[in-house]
PDB file of N, CA and C in Angstrom:
ATOM      1  N   UNK A   1     -57.760 -26.979  63.531  1.00  0.00           N
ATOM      2  CA  UNK A   1     -57.331 -27.248  64.875  1.00  0.00           C
ATOM      3  C   UNK A   1     -56.153 -26.317  65.180  1.00  0.00           C
ATOM      4  N   UNK A   2     -56.264 -25.608  66.279  1.00  0.00           N
ATOM      5  CA  UNK A   2     -55.230 -24.644  66.638  1.00  0.00           C
ATOM      6  C   UNK A   2     -54.103 -25.324  67.418  1.00  0.00           C
ATOM      7  N   UNK A   3     -53.020 -24.603  67.582  1.00  0.00           N
ATOM      8  CA  UNK A   3     -51.894 -25.127  68.356  1.00  0.00           C
ATOM      9  C   UNK A   3     -52.279 -25.340  69.815  1.00  0.00           C
ATOM     10  N   UNK A   4     -53.151 -24.503  70.339  1.00  0.00           N
ATOM     11  CA  UNK A   4     -53.611 -24.669  71.716  1.00  0.00           C
ATOM     12  C   UNK A   4     -54.395 -25.961  71.905  1.00  0.00           C
ATOM     13  N   UNK A   5     -55.223 -26.301  70.905  1.00  0.00           N
ATOM     14  CA  UNK A   5     -55.975 -27.561  70.965  1.00  0.00           C
ATOM     15  C   UNK A   5     -55.036 -28.762  70.926  1.00  0.00           C
ATOM     16  N   UNK A   6     -54.045 -28.685  70.067  1.00  0.00           N
ATOM     17  CA  UNK A   6     -53.075 -29.779  69.971  1.00  0.00           C
ATOM     18  C   UNK A   6     -52.296 -29.918  71.274  1.00  0.00           C
ATOM     19  N   UNK A   7     -51.864 -28.799  71.827  1.00  0.00           N
ATOM     20  CA  UNK A   7     -51.112 -28.834  73.082  1.00  0.00           C
ATOM     21  C   UNK A   7     -51.962 -29.379  74.222  1.00  0.00           C
ATOM     22  N   UNK A   8     -53.214 -28.947  74.300  1.00  0.00           N
ATOM     23  CA  UNK A   8     -54.098 -29.436  75.361  1.00  0.00           C
ATOM     24  C   UNK A   8     -54.341 -30.936  75.223  1.00  0.00           C
ATOM     25  N   UNK A   9     -54.509 -31.408  74.009  1.00  0.00           N
ATOM     26  CA  UNK A   9     -54.686 -32.840  73.783  1.00  0.00           C
ATOM     27  C   UNK A   9     -53.464 -33.640  74.179  1.00  0.00           C
ATOM     28  N   UNK A  10     -52.279 -33.110  73.876  1.00  0.00           N
ATOM     29  CA  UNK A  10     -51.038 -33.794  74.258  1.00  0.00           C
ATOM     30  C   UNK A  10     -50.877 -33.837  75.773  1.00  0.00           C
ATOM     31  N   UNK A  11     -51.205 -32.740  76.438  1.00  0.00           N
ATOM     32  CA  UNK A  11     -51.076 -32.690  77.898  1.00  0.00           C
ATOM     33  C   UNK A  11     -52.057 -33.663  78.556  1.00  0.00           C
ATOM     34  N   UNK A  12     -53.295 -33.673  78.096  1.00  0.00           N
ATOM     35  CA  UNK A  12     -54.296 -34.570  78.675  1.00  0.00           C
ATOM     36  C   UNK A  12     -53.933 -36.029  78.396  1.00  0.00           C
ATOM     37  N   UNK A  13     -53.496 -36.324  77.186  1.00  0.00           N
ATOM     38  CA  UNK A  13     -53.100 -37.689  76.854  1.00  0.00           C
ATOM     39  C   UNK A  13     -51.917 -38.169  77.677  1.00  0.00           C
ATOM     40  N   UNK A  14     -50.939 -37.298  77.869  1.00  0.00           N
ATOM     41  CA  UNK A  14     -49.783 -37.660  78.686  1.00  0.00           C
ATOM     42  C   UNK A  14     -50.182 -37.850  80.140  1.00  0.00           C
ATOM     43  N   UNK A  15     -51.075 -37.018  80.634  1.00  0.00           N
ATOM     44  CA  UNK A  15     -51.528 -37.159  82.022  1.00  0.00           C
ATOM     45  C   UNK A  15     -52.269 -38.472  82.229  1.00  0.00           C
ATOM     46  N   UNK A  16     -53.108 -38.858  81.279  1.00  0.00           N
ATOM     47  CA  UNK A  16     -53.833 -40.126  81.392  1.00  0.00           C
ATOM     48  C   UNK A  16     -52.861 -41.301  81.341  1.00  0.00           C
ATOM     49  N   UNK A  17     -51.888 -41.225  80.447  1.00  0.00           N
ATOM     50  CA  UNK A  17     -50.895 -42.290  80.342  1.00  0.00           C
ATOM     51  C   UNK A  17     -50.112 -42.453  81.637  1.00  0.00           C
ATOM     52  N   UNK A  18     -49.656 -41.358  82.197  1.00  0.00           N
ATOM     53  CA  UNK A  18     -48.894 -41.418  83.445  1.00  0.00           C
ATOM     54  C   UNK A  18     -49.778 -41.864  84.603  1.00  0.00           C
ATOM     55  N   UNK A  19     -51.011 -41.397  84.641  1.00  0.00           N
ATOM     56  CA  UNK A  19     -51.928 -41.773  85.718  1.00  0.00           C
ATOM     57  C   UNK A  19     -52.165 -43.283  85.740  1.00  0.00           C
ATOM     58  N   UNK A  20     -52.505 -43.863  84.597  1.00  0.00           N
ATOM     59  CA  UNK A  20     -52.770 -45.298  84.562  1.00  0.00           C
ATOM     60  C   UNK A  20     -51.494 -46.116  84.704  1.00  0.00           C
ATOM     61  N   UNK A  21     -50.430 -45.692  84.041  1.00  0.00           N
ATOM     62  CA  UNK A  21     -49.185 -46.450  84.110  1.00  0.00           C
ATOM     63  C   UNK A  21     -48.579 -46.453  85.503  1.00  0.00           C
ATOM     64  N   UNK A  22     -48.486 -45.290  86.098  1.00  0.00           N
ATOM     65  CA  UNK A  22     -47.934 -45.216  87.450  1.00  0.00           C
ATOM     66  C   UNK A  22     -48.880 -45.844  88.466  1.00  0.00           C
ATOM     67  N   UNK A  23     -50.168 -45.721  88.233  1.00  0.00           N
ATOM     68  CA  UNK A  23     -51.134 -46.319  89.154  1.00  0.00           C
ATOM     69  C   UNK A  23     -51.063 -47.830  89.170  1.00  0.00           C
ATOM     70  N   UNK A  24     -50.929 -48.437  87.997  1.00  0.00           N
ATOM     71  CA  UNK A  24     -50.848 -49.894  87.965  1.00  0.00           C
ATOM     72  C   UNK A  24     -49.512 -50.372  88.519  1.00  0.00           C
ATOM     73  N   UNK A  25     -48.433 -49.646  88.278  1.00  0.00           N
ATOM     74  CA  UNK A  25     -47.137 -50.029  88.857  1.00  0.00           C
ATOM     75  C   UNK A  25     -47.180 -49.913  90.379  1.00  0.00           C
ATOM     76  N   UNK A  26     -47.826 -48.878  90.885  1.00  0.00           N
ATOM     77  CA  UNK A  26     -47.945 -48.736  92.335  1.00  0.00           C
ATOM     78  C   UNK A  26     -48.821 -49.841  92.919  1.00  0.00           C
ATOM     79  N   UNK A  27     -49.888 -50.200  92.228  1.00  0.00           N
ATOM     80  CA  UNK A  27     -50.770 -51.253  92.734  1.00  0.00           C
ATOM     81  C   UNK A  27     -50.059 -52.592  92.805  1.00  0.00           C
ATOM     82  N   UNK A  28     -49.189 -52.862  91.841  1.00  0.00           N
ATOM     83  CA  UNK A  28     -48.491 -54.149  91.821  1.00  0.00           C
ATOM     84  C   UNK A  28     -47.366 -54.188  92.847  1.00  0.00           C
ATOM     85  N   UNK A  29     -46.748 -53.052  93.144  1.00  0.00           N
ATOM     86  CA  UNK A  29     -45.585 -53.071  94.035  1.00  0.00           C
ATOM     87  C   UNK A  29     -45.892 -52.745  95.491  1.00  0.00           C
ATOM     88  N   UNK A  30     -47.029 -52.136  95.778  1.00  0.00           N
ATOM     89  CA  UNK A  30     -47.340 -51.813  97.172  1.00  0.00           C
ATOM     90  C   UNK A  30     -47.710 -53.074  97.951  1.00  0.00           C
ATOM     91  N   UNK A  31     -47.253 -53.156  99.189  1.00  0.00           N
ATOM     92  CA  UNK A  31     -47.394 -54.368  99.990  1.00  0.00           C
ATOM     93  C   UNK A  31     -48.841 -54.696 100.347  1.00  0.00           C
ATOM     94  N   UNK A  32     -49.664 -53.717 100.646  1.00  0.00           N
ATOM     95  CA  UNK A  32     -51.032 -53.973 101.106  1.00  0.00           C
ATOM     96  C   UNK A  32     -52.064 -53.790 100.000  1.00  0.00           C
ATOM     97  N   UNK A  33     -51.641 -53.921  98.766  1.00  0.00           N
ATOM     98  CA  UNK A  33     -52.548 -53.768  97.639  1.00  0.00           C
ATOM     99  C   UNK A  33     -53.131 -55.126  97.238  1.00  0.00           C
ATOM    100  N   UNK A  34     -54.344 -55.107  96.699  1.00  0.00           N
ATOM    101  CA  UNK A  34     -54.949 -56.360  96.231  1.00  0.00           C
ATOM    102  C   UNK A  34     -54.284 -56.866  94.956  1.00  0.00           C
ATOM    103  N   UNK A  35     -53.579 -56.001  94.262  1.00  0.00           N
ATOM    104  CA  UNK A  35     -52.911 -56.389  93.017  1.00  0.00           C
ATOM    105  C   UNK A  35     -51.441 -56.726  93.245  1.00  0.00           C
ATOM    106  N   UNK A  36     -51.057 -57.007  94.457  1.00  0.00           N
ATOM    107  CA  UNK A  36     -49.647 -57.218  94.809  1.00  0.00           C
ATOM    108  C   UNK A  36     -48.999 -58.323  93.986  1.00  0.00           C
ATOM    109  N   UNK A  37     -49.645 -59.422  93.789  1.00  0.00           N
ATOM    110  CA  UNK A  37     -49.033 -60.545  93.089  1.00  0.00           C
ATOM    111  C   UNK A  37     -49.498 -60.659  91.638  1.00  0.00           C
ATOM    112  N   UNK A  38     -49.944 -59.581  91.042  1.00  0.00           N
ATOM    113  CA  UNK A  38     -50.480 -59.641  89.681  1.00  0.00           C
ATOM    114  C   UNK A  38     -49.405 -59.919  88.645  1.00  0.00           C
ATOM    115  N   UNK A  39     -48.296 -59.232  88.728  1.00  0.00           N
ATOM    116  CA  UNK A  39     -47.195 -59.517  87.815  1.00  0.00           C
ATOM    117  C   UNK A  39     -47.116 -58.580  86.623  1.00  0.00           C
ATOM    118  N   UNK A  40     -46.291 -59.008  85.684  1.00  0.00           N
ATOM    119  CA  UNK A  40     -45.936 -58.144  84.563  1.00  0.00           C
ATOM    120  C   UNK A  40     -47.082 -57.952  83.578  1.00  0.00           C
ATOM    121  N   UNK A  41     -47.992 -58.918  83.457  1.00  0.00           N
ATOM    122  CA  UNK A  41     -49.067 -58.792  82.470  1.00  0.00           C
ATOM    123  C   UNK A  41     -50.015 -57.659  82.840  1.00  0.00           C
ATOM    124  N   UNK A  42     -50.261 -57.467  84.118  1.00  0.00           N
ATOM    125  CA  UNK A  42     -51.123 -56.371  84.558  1.00  0.00           C
ATOM    126  C   UNK A  42     -50.437 -55.033  84.304  1.00  0.00           C
ATOM    127  N   UNK A  43     -49.146 -54.974  84.540  1.00  0.00           N
ATOM    128  CA  UNK A  43     -48.394 -53.744  84.251  1.00  0.00           C
ATOM    129  C   UNK A  43     -48.423 -53.451  82.757  1.00  0.00           C
ATOM    130  N   UNK A  44     -48.274 -54.464  81.938  1.00  0.00           N
ATOM    131  CA  UNK A  44     -48.311 -54.268  80.485  1.00  0.00           C
ATOM    132  C   UNK A  44     -49.655 -53.731  80.025  1.00  0.00           C
ATOM    133  N   UNK A  45     -50.738 -54.316  80.523  1.00  0.00           N
ATOM    134  CA  UNK A  45     -52.062 -53.815  80.155  1.00  0.00           C
ATOM    135  C   UNK A  45     -52.312 -52.424  80.720  1.00  0.00           C
ATOM    136  N   UNK A  46     -51.790 -52.150  81.902  1.00  0.00           N
ATOM    137  CA  UNK A  46     -51.962 -50.827  82.496  1.00  0.00           C
ATOM    138  C   UNK A  46     -51.281 -49.727  81.712  1.00  0.00           C
ATOM    139  N   UNK A  47     -50.153 -50.045  81.096  1.00  0.00           N
ATOM    140  CA  UNK A  47     -49.478 -49.062  80.247  1.00  0.00           C
ATOM    141  C   UNK A  47     -50.047 -49.045  78.834  1.00  0.00           C
ATOM    142  N   UNK A  48     -50.502 -50.177  78.333  1.00  0.00           N
ATOM    143  CA  UNK A  48     -50.992 -50.242  76.956  1.00  0.00           C
ATOM    144  C   UNK A  48     -52.400 -49.685  76.801  1.00  0.00           C
ATOM    145  N   UNK A  49     -53.233 -49.837  77.831  1.00  0.00           N
ATOM    146  CA  UNK A  49     -54.615 -49.394  77.709  1.00  0.00           C
ATOM    147  C   UNK A  49     -54.750 -47.902  77.407  1.00  0.00           C
ATOM    148  N   UNK A  50     -54.036 -46.993  78.090  1.00  0.00           N
ATOM    149  CA  UNK A  50     -54.191 -45.579  77.702  1.00  0.00           C
ATOM    150  C   UNK A  50     -53.503 -45.239  76.384  1.00  0.00           C
ATOM    151  N   UNK A  51     -52.604 -46.081  75.886  1.00  0.00           N
ATOM    152  CA  UNK A  51     -51.963 -45.817  74.590  1.00  0.00           C
ATOM    153  C   UNK A  51     -52.872 -46.177  73.419  1.00  0.00           C
ATOM    154  N   UNK A  52     -53.806 -47.088  73.635  1.00  0.00           N
ATOM    155  CA  UNK A  52     -54.639 -47.576  72.545  1.00  0.00           C
ATOM    156  C   UNK A  52     -55.470 -46.477  71.871  1.00  0.00           C
ATOM    157  N   UNK A  53     -56.162 -45.597  72.586  1.00  0.00           N
ATOM    158  CA  UNK A  53     -56.948 -44.572  71.873  1.00  0.00           C
ATOM    159  C   UNK A  53     -56.084 -43.612  71.059  1.00  0.00           C
ATOM    160  N   UNK A  54     -54.866 -43.377  71.504  1.00  0.00           N
ATOM    161  CA  UNK A  54     -53.994 -42.481  70.752  1.00  0.00           C
ATOM    162  C   UNK A  54     -53.475 -43.092  69.463  1.00  0.00           C
ATOM    163  N   UNK A  55     -53.426 -44.397  69.385  1.00  0.00           N
ATOM    164  CA  UNK A  55     -52.938 -45.069  68.188  1.00  0.00           C
ATOM    165  C   UNK A  55     -54.058 -45.492  67.247  1.00  0.00           C
ATOM    166  N   UNK A  56     -55.304 -45.363  67.671  1.00  0.00           N
ATOM    167  CA  UNK A  56     -56.426 -45.702  66.810  1.00  0.00           C
ATOM    168  C   UNK A  56     -56.672 -44.552  65.844  1.00  0.00           C
ATOM    169  N   UNK A  57     -56.672 -44.818  64.547  1.00  0.00           N
ATOM    170  CA  UNK A  57     -56.850 -43.717  63.598  1.00  0.00           C
ATOM    171  C   UNK A  57     -58.247 -43.121  63.660  1.00  0.00           C
ATOM    172  N   UNK A  58     -58.335 -41.809  63.619  1.00  0.00           N
ATOM    173  CA  UNK A  58     -59.663 -41.174  63.615  1.00  0.00           C
ATOM    174  C   UNK A  58     -60.370 -41.404  62.282  1.00  0.00           C
ATOM    175  N   UNK A  59     -61.685 -41.408  62.273  1.00  0.00           N
ATOM    176  CA  UNK A  59     -62.407 -41.689  61.026  1.00  0.00           C
ATOM    177  C   UNK A  59     -62.230 -40.615  59.960  1.00  0.00           C
ATOM    178  N   UNK A  60     -61.924 -39.394  60.344  1.00  0.00           N
ATOM    179  CA  UNK A  60     -61.808 -38.323  59.344  1.00  0.00           C
ATOM    180  C   UNK A  60     -60.417 -38.256  58.710  1.00  0.00           C
ATOM    181  N   UNK A  61     -59.497 -39.081  59.152  1.00  0.00           N
ATOM    182  CA  UNK A  61     -58.133 -39.069  58.630  1.00  0.00           C
ATOM    183  C   UNK A  61     -58.071 -39.969  57.396  1.00  0.00           C
ATOM    184  N   UNK A  62     -57.837 -39.415  56.207  1.00  0.00           N
ATOM    185  CA  UNK A  62     -57.953 -40.224  54.987  1.00  0.00           C
ATOM    186  C   UNK A  62     -56.862 -41.280  54.847  1.00  0.00           C
ATOM    187  N   UNK A  63     -55.671 -41.032  55.360  1.00  0.00           N
ATOM    188  CA  UNK A  63     -54.573 -41.990  55.169  1.00  0.00           C
ATOM    189  C   UNK A  63     -54.605 -43.095  56.214  1.00  0.00           C
ATOM    190  N   UNK A  64     -55.433 -42.995  57.219  1.00  0.00           N
ATOM    191  CA  UNK A  64     -55.500 -44.019  58.253  1.00  0.00           C
ATOM    192  C   UNK A  64     -54.364 -43.923  59.252  1.00  0.00           C
ATOM    193  N   UNK A  65     -53.748 -42.769  59.352  1.00  0.00           N
ATOM    194  CA  UNK A  65     -52.679 -42.601  60.325  1.00  0.00           C
ATOM    195  C   UNK A  65     -53.231 -41.970  61.587  1.00  0.00           C
ATOM    196  N   UNK A  66     -52.467 -42.052  62.653  1.00  0.00           N
ATOM    197  CA  UNK A  66     -52.945 -41.493  63.915  1.00  0.00           C
ATOM    198  C   UNK A  66     -52.451 -40.075  64.161  1.00  0.00           C
ATOM    199  N   UNK A  67     -51.561 -39.579  63.329  1.00  0.00           N
ATOM    200  CA  UNK A  67     -51.043 -38.224  63.522  1.00  0.00           C
ATOM    201  C   UNK A  67     -51.797 -37.258  62.615  1.00  0.00           C
ATOM    202  N   UNK A  68     -52.098 -36.063  63.119  1.00  0.00           N
ATOM    203  CA  UNK A  68     -52.886 -35.131  62.309  1.00  0.00           C
ATOM    204  C   UNK A  68     -52.070 -34.415  61.234  1.00  0.00           C
ATOM    205  N   UNK A  69     -50.761 -34.514  61.272  1.00  0.00           N
ATOM    206  CA  UNK A  69     -49.941 -33.785  60.298  1.00  0.00           C
ATOM    207  C   UNK A  69     -49.535 -34.655  59.135  1.00  0.00           C
TER     208      UNK A  69
END
């Protein structure tokens, strides 16, 4: 895996995290949104859901860690 692949993966992962996290926060705080009264649990799941694939260890990693180094 090259440095470019690692960098692209980090950029895409960060973009997905920000997209879902900011999107759920906006949905909960905007006045005319259907998720207006959802509360903190929806925000927690909105931030945790994109973090889950990054913390799941890949099958080819022998130590069971999520970092490739």
